[in-house]
Structure formats: C-alpha cells, structure tokens
C-alpha cells in the first residue's frame, strides 16, 4: 500500500498520514467504534455471498435462472428503498436508545436471512429472504445513520467516514474471495453458516451499544 501512496504523495505526506491515522484511530468515540465494528462484521459477512448468490439461485433450485437471481436482487432493493425513507422520518424523532433498539432489531432480522438460504428448497424461499432482507436493511440503515451522523467526532468527520468505508471495503474484498473458495470447495450452505455467525457477531456489538444508550438515558 505504501508504494502506491508514494506515487501520489511525498514522504512527508505519507509520514504525516500514518501519524494522524495511528494517533486518531483509537480516539474515536465508543458509539462510532461500535457502529463501525458491527457493520464490518455484517457487511463483510454478506460480502461472502453477494458474488455467488446468483450462481446459487441459478444452479441450486429447479426453476432457478439468471432472471430469478435478478428478480431476487430487485426485490431486495425495492423493499429496502420503500421502507427506509418513511422510517427515517420516525427515526429523527427517536432518542439514541430507541434508535439503537430499531438498529438491533433490523440487524437481527438481517441475520435470519442466511438461515433461510440454508433451508431454502425453492426460488420462492429466496424471494422471501430478499424481501425480509430489504425490510430489515431499511429499518437498520435509517437507525444506523441516525446514530452515526449525530456522534461523529468534531473535525474528524471525513476521517471517520473514510475509515469506515476503507475497513468495510477491505473486509468485503477479502470476503468475496473467501466466500468463493468456501462455496467452491466446501459448499454454499457452509458459506451461509459463516455469514450467519458474522451477522450475529455484528448484533453483539449493537447489543452493547443499546445497553450503553439505556444507561445514559437513565443517568
């Protein structure tokens, strides 16, 4: 990575960047840390299956096809878009504890999706999973943004957004390769098991966040 940076920046710039990064990464407030860790596990988990889901739908069921895989993706995005905007209006009126509760609920629902994949026996089950995934993501994303945007550290907003995007990007990139290897040599269902475990780990961080917000609300 450093040789690539050296193509665009001088040695002093790189040194200053590394110093700033190491000096500030562990000074991020706890709320942002927990939100970041949760998304790293959940989004990286689903990064394991995003590249192979179309193949699973096409080859794993009678009646499976590229069109069926495309329909599944369309259902997810359509439901997510229909849920998140109206729900965001309600989220704005909630306190942090209420937002954390909805975020945890949505993420737990997301964690159910790979379980449905494991036991799916028809394309219809995949459609149902994608509808649940879309609704859950709409709830979770609105609540996540509501908490995240109000807890960014002052004068570190760009750094924290970029750190989040970078960590999730690296995690998703690695997960795509790992997911392909697991599906190829062990099987799709073991990939889904791994996704479920990672999603539940993400839920654990959100549970800690919820308890933190409840304590602050009582104090």
C-alpha atoms as a PDB file:
ATOM      1  CA  UNK A   1       0.000   0.000   0.000  1.00  0.00           C
ATOM      2  CA  UNK A   2       2.819   2.422   0.869  1.00  0.00           C
ATOM      3  CA  UNK A   3       4.466   2.126  -2.592  1.00  0.00           C
ATOM      4  CA  UNK A   4       1.110   3.038  -4.162  1.00  0.00           C
ATOM      5  CA  UNK A   5       0.722   6.073  -1.889  1.00  0.00           C
ATOM      6  CA  UNK A   6       4.245   7.183  -2.785  1.00  0.00           C
ATOM      7  CA  UNK A   7       3.136   7.621  -6.401  1.00  0.00           C
ATOM      8  CA  UNK A   8       0.780  10.418  -5.357  1.00  0.00           C
ATOM      9  CA  UNK A   9       2.267  11.839  -2.154  1.00  0.00           C
ATOM     10  CA  UNK A  10       5.684  12.798  -0.860  1.00  0.00           C
ATOM     11  CA  UNK A  11       7.423  11.036   2.023  1.00  0.00           C
ATOM     12  CA  UNK A  12       6.445  13.752   4.478  1.00  0.00           C
ATOM     13  CA  UNK A  13       2.792  13.488   3.443  1.00  0.00           C
ATOM     14  CA  UNK A  14       2.824   9.722   3.971  1.00  0.00           C
ATOM     15  CA  UNK A  15       4.566  10.101   7.331  1.00  0.00           C
ATOM     16  CA  UNK A  16       2.015  12.684   8.435  1.00  0.00           C
ATOM     17  CA  UNK A  17      -0.828  10.464   7.278  1.00  0.00           C
ATOM     18  CA  UNK A  18       0.449   7.447   9.216  1.00  0.00           C
ATOM     19  CA  UNK A  19       0.984   9.553  12.325  1.00  0.00           C
ATOM     20  CA  UNK A  20      -2.525  11.018  12.096  1.00  0.00           C
ATOM     21  CA  UNK A  21      -4.062   7.607  11.420  1.00  0.00           C
ATOM     22  CA  UNK A  22      -2.382   5.861  14.347  1.00  0.00           C
ATOM     23  CA  UNK A  23      -2.952   8.816  16.655  1.00  0.00           C
ATOM     24  CA  UNK A  24      -6.655   9.127  15.929  1.00  0.00           C
ATOM     25  CA  UNK A  25      -7.896   5.624  15.161  1.00  0.00           C
ATOM     26  CA  UNK A  26      -8.121   4.684  18.846  1.00  0.00           C
ATOM     27  CA  UNK A  27      -9.532   8.046  19.931  1.00  0.00           C
ATOM     28  CA  UNK A  28     -12.800   7.598  18.097  1.00  0.00           C
ATOM     29  CA  UNK A  29     -15.767   7.749  20.459  1.00  0.00           C
ATOM     30  CA  UNK A  30     -17.269   4.452  21.601  1.00  0.00           C
ATOM     31  CA  UNK A  31     -20.556   4.861  19.729  1.00  0.00           C
ATOM     32  CA  UNK A  32     -18.801   5.267  16.386  1.00  0.00           C
ATOM     33  CA  UNK A  33     -16.490   2.349  17.192  1.00  0.00           C
ATOM     34  CA  UNK A  34     -19.402   0.014  17.935  1.00  0.00           C
ATOM     35  CA  UNK A  35     -21.325   1.074  14.816  1.00  0.00           C
ATOM     36  CA  UNK A  36     -18.223   0.575  12.706  1.00  0.00           C
ATOM     37  CA  UNK A  37     -17.424  -2.846  14.168  1.00  0.00           C
ATOM     38  CA  UNK A  38     -20.992  -4.016  13.713  1.00  0.00           C
ATOM     39  CA  UNK A  39     -21.088  -3.037  10.053  1.00  0.00           C
ATOM     40  CA  UNK A  40     -17.670  -4.558   9.390  1.00  0.00           C
ATOM     41  CA  UNK A  41     -18.960  -7.948  10.541  1.00  0.00           C
ATOM     42  CA  UNK A  42     -22.420  -7.737   8.958  1.00  0.00           C
ATOM     43  CA  UNK A  43     -21.427  -6.232   5.599  1.00  0.00           C
ATOM     44  CA  UNK A  44     -18.266  -8.312   5.350  1.00  0.00           C
ATOM     45  CA  UNK A  45     -20.371 -11.361   6.150  1.00  0.00           C
ATOM     46  CA  UNK A  46     -22.767 -10.660   3.318  1.00  0.00           C
ATOM     47  CA  UNK A  47     -19.764  -9.906   1.133  1.00  0.00           C
ATOM     48  CA  UNK A  48     -19.109 -13.653   1.345  1.00  0.00           C
ATOM     49  CA  UNK A  49     -22.282 -14.448  -0.566  1.00  0.00           C
ATOM     50  CA  UNK A  50     -23.019 -11.414  -2.754  1.00  0.00           C
ATOM     51  CA  UNK A  51     -20.734 -12.605  -5.589  1.00  0.00           C
ATOM     52  CA  UNK A  52     -22.098 -16.165  -5.538  1.00  0.00           C
ATOM     53  CA  UNK A  53     -25.786 -15.647  -4.778  1.00  0.00           C
ATOM     54  CA  UNK A  54     -26.748 -15.512  -8.464  1.00  0.00           C
ATOM     55  CA  UNK A  55     -24.974 -18.831  -9.080  1.00  0.00           C
ATOM     56  CA  UNK A  56     -26.684 -20.358  -6.039  1.00  0.00           C
ATOM     57  CA  UNK A  57     -30.121 -19.254  -7.289  1.00  0.00           C
ATOM     58  CA  UNK A  58     -29.450 -20.335 -10.883  1.00  0.00           C
ATOM     59  CA  UNK A  59     -27.965 -23.758 -10.169  1.00  0.00           C
ATOM     60  CA  UNK A  60     -29.344 -24.656  -6.753  1.00  0.00           C
ATOM     61  CA  UNK A  61     -33.063 -24.957  -7.478  1.00  0.00           C
ATOM     62  CA  UNK A  62     -35.476 -26.320 -10.006  1.00  0.00           C
ATOM     63  CA  UNK A  63     -36.663 -23.302 -11.951  1.00  0.00           C
ATOM     64  CA  UNK A  64     -33.645 -21.261 -10.936  1.00  0.00           C
ATOM     65  CA  UNK A  65     -32.337 -18.888 -13.588  1.00  0.00           C
ATOM     66  CA  UNK A  66     -30.413 -15.671 -14.125  1.00  0.00           C
ATOM     67  CA  UNK A  67     -33.781 -13.906 -14.314  1.00  0.00           C
ATOM     68  CA  UNK A  68     -34.767 -15.364 -10.929  1.00  0.00           C
ATOM     69  CA  UNK A  69     -31.493 -14.101  -9.413  1.00  0.00           C
ATOM     70  CA  UNK A  70     -32.111 -10.662 -10.894  1.00  0.00           C
ATOM     71  CA  UNK A  71     -35.657 -10.673  -9.529  1.00  0.00           C
ATOM     72  CA  UNK A  72     -34.338 -11.531  -6.063  1.00  0.00           C
ATOM     73  CA  UNK A  73     -31.917  -8.589  -6.160  1.00  0.00           C
ATOM     74  CA  UNK A  74     -34.688  -6.289  -7.403  1.00  0.00           C
ATOM     75  CA  UNK A  75     -36.969  -7.317  -4.541  1.00  0.00           C
ATOM     76  CA  UNK A  76     -34.256  -6.520  -2.001  1.00  0.00           C
ATOM     77  CA  UNK A  77     -33.514  -3.049  -3.336  1.00  0.00           C
ATOM     78  CA  UNK A  78     -37.174  -2.199  -3.924  1.00  0.00           C
ATOM     79  CA  UNK A  79     -38.307  -3.176  -0.422  1.00  0.00           C
ATOM     80  CA  UNK A  80     -35.295  -1.501   1.213  1.00  0.00           C
ATOM     81  CA  UNK A  81     -35.985   1.745  -0.650  1.00  0.00           C
ATOM     82  CA  UNK A  82     -39.697   1.694   0.215  1.00  0.00           C
ATOM     83  CA  UNK A  83     -39.019   1.095   3.920  1.00  0.00           C
ATOM     84  CA  UNK A  84     -36.030   3.283   4.734  1.00  0.00           C
ATOM     85  CA  UNK A  85     -37.268   6.712   3.620  1.00  0.00           C
ATOM     86  CA  UNK A  86     -40.618   6.724   5.509  1.00  0.00           C
ATOM     87  CA  UNK A  87     -38.984   5.106   8.531  1.00  0.00           C
ATOM     88  CA  UNK A  88     -36.233   7.747   8.574  1.00  0.00           C
ATOM     89  CA  UNK A  89     -38.893  10.371   9.359  1.00  0.00           C
ATOM     90  CA  UNK A  90     -39.776   8.480  12.541  1.00  0.00           C
ATOM     91  CA  UNK A  91     -36.138   7.854  13.437  1.00  0.00           C
ATOM     92  CA  UNK A  92     -35.466  11.596  13.545  1.00  0.00           C
ATOM     93  CA  UNK A  93     -37.891  11.875  16.458  1.00  0.00           C
ATOM     94  CA  UNK A  94     -36.350   8.998  18.445  1.00  0.00           C
ATOM     95  CA  UNK A  95     -33.671   9.200  21.128  1.00  0.00           C
ATOM     96  CA  UNK A  96     -30.462   7.186  20.836  1.00  0.00           C
ATOM     97  CA  UNK A  97     -31.774   4.252  22.866  1.00  0.00           C
ATOM     98  CA  UNK A  98     -34.826   3.922  20.613  1.00  0.00           C
ATOM     99  CA  UNK A  99     -32.673   4.185  17.506  1.00  0.00           C
ATOM    100  CA  UNK A 100     -30.295   1.536  18.854  1.00  0.00           C
ATOM    101  CA  UNK A 101     -33.246  -0.750  19.583  1.00  0.00           C
ATOM    102  CA  UNK A 102     -34.522  -0.482  15.997  1.00  0.00           C
ATOM    103  CA  UNK A 103     -30.995  -0.895  14.663  1.00  0.00           C
ATOM    104  CA  UNK A 104     -30.548  -4.092  16.661  1.00  0.00           C
ATOM    105  CA  UNK A 105     -33.957  -5.404  15.570  1.00  0.00           C
ATOM    106  CA  UNK A 106     -33.208  -4.729  11.908  1.00  0.00           C
ATOM    107  CA  UNK A 107     -29.784  -6.347  12.138  1.00  0.00           C
ATOM    108  CA  UNK A 108     -31.172  -9.449  13.866  1.00  0.00           C
ATOM    109  CA  UNK A 109     -33.672  -9.736  11.004  1.00  0.00           C
ATOM    110  CA  UNK A 110     -30.776  -9.445   8.550  1.00  0.00           C
ATOM    111  CA  UNK A 111     -29.009 -12.271  10.408  1.00  0.00           C
ATOM    112  CA  UNK A 112     -32.039 -14.506   9.786  1.00  0.00           C
ATOM    113  CA  UNK A 113     -31.600 -14.238   6.001  1.00  0.00           C
ATOM    114  CA  UNK A 114     -28.657 -16.673   5.643  1.00  0.00           C
ATOM    115  CA  UNK A 115     -30.608 -19.179   7.775  1.00  0.00           C
ATOM    116  CA  UNK A 116     -33.402 -19.035   5.189  1.00  0.00           C
ATOM    117  CA  UNK A 117     -30.819 -19.619   2.455  1.00  0.00           C
ATOM    118  CA  UNK A 118     -29.571 -22.723   4.261  1.00  0.00           C
ATOM    119  CA  UNK A 119     -33.007 -24.341   4.369  1.00  0.00           C
ATOM    120  CA  UNK A 120     -34.354 -22.950   1.086  1.00  0.00           C
ATOM    121  CA  UNK A 121     -35.774 -25.560  -1.278  1.00  0.00           C
ATOM    122  CA  UNK A 122     -37.217 -23.301  -3.973  1.00  0.00           C
ATOM    123  CA  UNK A 123     -36.704 -19.916  -5.593  1.00  0.00           C
ATOM    124  CA  UNK A 124     -39.760 -18.630  -3.699  1.00  0.00           C
ATOM    125  CA  UNK A 125     -37.855 -19.040  -0.443  1.00  0.00           C
ATOM    126  CA  UNK A 126     -35.055 -16.868  -1.859  1.00  0.00           C
ATOM    127  CA  UNK A 127     -37.620 -14.212  -2.787  1.00  0.00           C
ATOM    128  CA  UNK A 128     -38.984 -14.274   0.772  1.00  0.00           C
ATOM    129  CA  UNK A 129     -35.458 -13.988   2.163  1.00  0.00           C
ATOM    130  CA  UNK A 130     -34.750 -10.992  -0.056  1.00  0.00           C
ATOM    131  CA  UNK A 131     -37.971  -9.259   0.996  1.00  0.00           C
ATOM    132  CA  UNK A 132     -37.055  -9.769   4.673  1.00  0.00           C
ATOM    133  CA  UNK A 133     -33.512  -8.595   3.955  1.00  0.00           C
ATOM    134  CA  UNK A 134     -34.829  -5.456   2.262  1.00  0.00           C
ATOM    135  CA  UNK A 135     -37.240  -4.583   5.082  1.00  0.00           C
ATOM    136  CA  UNK A 136     -34.615  -5.297   7.748  1.00  0.00           C
ATOM    137  CA  UNK A 137     -31.974  -3.236   5.948  1.00  0.00           C
ATOM    138  CA  UNK A 138     -34.411  -0.345   5.588  1.00  0.00           C
ATOM    139  CA  UNK A 139     -35.017  -0.329   9.335  1.00  0.00           C
ATOM    140  CA  UNK A 140     -31.375  -0.831  10.277  1.00  0.00           C
ATOM    141  CA  UNK A 141     -29.903   1.647   7.802  1.00  0.00           C
ATOM    142  CA  UNK A 142     -32.184   4.502   8.838  1.00  0.00           C
ATOM    143  CA  UNK A 143     -31.456   3.926  12.526  1.00  0.00           C
ATOM    144  CA  UNK A 144     -27.722   3.436  11.899  1.00  0.00           C
ATOM    145  CA  UNK A 145     -27.462   6.735  10.033  1.00  0.00           C
ATOM    146  CA  UNK A 146     -29.464   8.498  12.741  1.00  0.00           C
ATOM    147  CA  UNK A 147     -26.965   7.456  15.411  1.00  0.00           C
ATOM    148  CA  UNK A 148     -23.824   7.728  13.293  1.00  0.00           C
ATOM    149  CA  UNK A 149     -24.475  11.217  11.943  1.00  0.00           C
ATOM    150  CA  UNK A 150     -25.066  12.681  15.410  1.00  0.00           C
ATOM    151  CA  UNK A 151     -21.984  11.098  17.030  1.00  0.00           C
ATOM    152  CA  UNK A 152     -19.218  11.845  14.554  1.00  0.00           C
ATOM    153  CA  UNK A 153     -16.273  13.471  16.332  1.00  0.00           C
ATOM    154  CA  UNK A 154     -15.940  17.152  15.529  1.00  0.00           C
ATOM    155  CA  UNK A 155     -13.305  17.942  12.894  1.00  0.00           C
ATOM    156  CA  UNK A 156     -12.834  14.202  12.258  1.00  0.00           C
ATOM    157  CA  UNK A 157     -15.969  13.617  10.181  1.00  0.00           C
ATOM    158  CA  UNK A 158     -14.160  12.943   6.918  1.00  0.00           C
ATOM    159  CA  UNK A 159     -11.576  10.706   8.596  1.00  0.00           C
ATOM    160  CA  UNK A 160     -14.229   8.598  10.361  1.00  0.00           C
ATOM    161  CA  UNK A 161     -16.361   8.232   7.235  1.00  0.00           C
ATOM    162  CA  UNK A 162     -13.276   7.299   5.222  1.00  0.00           C
ATOM    163  CA  UNK A 163     -12.047   4.875   7.877  1.00  0.00           C
ATOM    164  CA  UNK A 164     -15.443   3.188   7.895  1.00  0.00           C
ATOM    165  CA  UNK A 165     -15.555   2.954   4.108  1.00  0.00           C
ATOM    166  CA  UNK A 166     -11.981   1.648   3.924  1.00  0.00           C
ATOM    167  CA  UNK A 167     -12.395  -1.046   6.572  1.00  0.00           C
ATOM    168  CA  UNK A 168     -15.705  -2.243   5.121  1.00  0.00           C
ATOM    169  CA  UNK A 169     -14.182  -2.145   1.631  1.00  0.00           C
ATOM    170  CA  UNK A 170     -11.165  -4.231   2.633  1.00  0.00           C
ATOM    171  CA  UNK A 171     -13.396  -6.646   4.529  1.00  0.00           C
ATOM    172  CA  UNK A 172     -15.827  -7.048   1.637  1.00  0.00           C
ATOM    173  CA  UNK A 173     -12.997  -7.528  -0.869  1.00  0.00           C
ATOM    174  CA  UNK A 174     -11.442 -10.282   1.250  1.00  0.00           C
ATOM    175  CA  UNK A 175     -14.852 -11.833   1.917  1.00  0.00           C
ATOM    176  CA  UNK A 176     -15.659 -12.092  -1.788  1.00  0.00           C
ATOM    177  CA  UNK A 177     -12.591 -14.256  -2.337  1.00  0.00           C
ATOM    178  CA  UNK A 178     -13.111 -16.328   0.823  1.00  0.00           C
ATOM    179  CA  UNK A 179     -16.798 -16.827   0.022  1.00  0.00           C
ATOM    180  CA  UNK A 180     -15.945 -18.099  -3.437  1.00  0.00           C
ATOM    181  CA  UNK A 181     -13.382 -20.539  -2.072  1.00  0.00           C
ATOM    182  CA  UNK A 182     -15.720 -21.866   0.642  1.00  0.00           C
ATOM    183  CA  UNK A 183     -18.614 -22.273  -1.801  1.00  0.00           C
ATOM    184  CA  UNK A 184     -16.375 -23.964  -4.388  1.00  0.00           C
ATOM    185  CA  UNK A 185     -14.659 -26.468  -2.118  1.00  0.00           C
ATOM    186  CA  UNK A 186     -16.986 -26.913   0.870  1.00  0.00           C
ATOM    187  CA  UNK A 187     -20.421 -25.869  -0.314  1.00  0.00           C
ATOM    188  CA  UNK A 188     -22.857 -22.972  -0.416  1.00  0.00           C
ATOM    189  CA  UNK A 189     -24.551 -23.842   2.849  1.00  0.00           C
ATOM    190  CA  UNK A 190     -21.330 -23.631   4.857  1.00  0.00           C
ATOM    191  CA  UNK A 191     -20.843 -20.177   3.365  1.00  0.00           C
ATOM    192  CA  UNK A 192     -24.283 -19.208   4.646  1.00  0.00           C
ATOM    193  CA  UNK A 193     -23.447 -20.589   8.096  1.00  0.00           C
ATOM    194  CA  UNK A 194     -20.360 -18.385   8.193  1.00  0.00           C
ATOM    195  CA  UNK A 195     -22.428 -15.357   7.129  1.00  0.00           C
ATOM    196  CA  UNK A 196     -24.935 -16.030   9.898  1.00  0.00           C
ATOM    197  CA  UNK A 197     -22.191 -16.261  12.517  1.00  0.00           C
ATOM    198  CA  UNK A 198     -20.619 -12.991  11.372  1.00  0.00           C
ATOM    199  CA  UNK A 199     -24.002 -11.250  11.353  1.00  0.00           C
ATOM    200  CA  UNK A 200     -24.706 -12.401  14.901  1.00  0.00           C
ATOM    201  CA  UNK A 201     -21.309 -11.068  15.954  1.00  0.00           C
ATOM    202  CA  UNK A 202     -22.345  -7.724  14.475  1.00  0.00           C
ATOM    203  CA  UNK A 203     -25.556  -7.926  16.521  1.00  0.00           C
ATOM    204  CA  UNK A 204     -23.481  -8.412  19.669  1.00  0.00           C
ATOM    205  CA  UNK A 205     -21.785  -5.039  19.176  1.00  0.00           C
ATOM    206  CA  UNK A 206     -25.188  -3.422  18.701  1.00  0.00           C
ATOM    207  CA  UNK A 207     -26.477  -5.045  21.884  1.00  0.00           C
ATOM    208  CA  UNK A 208     -23.538  -3.464  23.729  1.00  0.00           C
ATOM    209  CA  UNK A 209     -24.427  -0.135  22.112  1.00  0.00           C
ATOM    210  CA  UNK A 210     -28.066  -0.471  23.198  1.00  0.00           C
ATOM    211  CA  UNK A 211     -27.063  -1.146  26.801  1.00  0.00           C
ATOM    212  CA  UNK A 212     -24.763   1.871  26.707  1.00  0.00           C
ATOM    213  CA  UNK A 213     -27.547   4.130  25.437  1.00  0.00           C
ATOM    214  CA  UNK A 214     -30.001   2.816  28.041  1.00  0.00           C
ATOM    215  CA  UNK A 215     -27.552   3.646  30.841  1.00  0.00           C
ATOM    216  CA  UNK A 216     -27.030   7.159  29.501  1.00  0.00           C
ATOM    217  CA  UNK A 217     -30.789   7.663  29.254  1.00  0.00           C
ATOM    218  CA  UNK A 218     -31.257   6.681  32.918  1.00  0.00           C
ATOM    219  CA  UNK A 219     -28.367   8.813  34.198  1.00  0.00           C
END
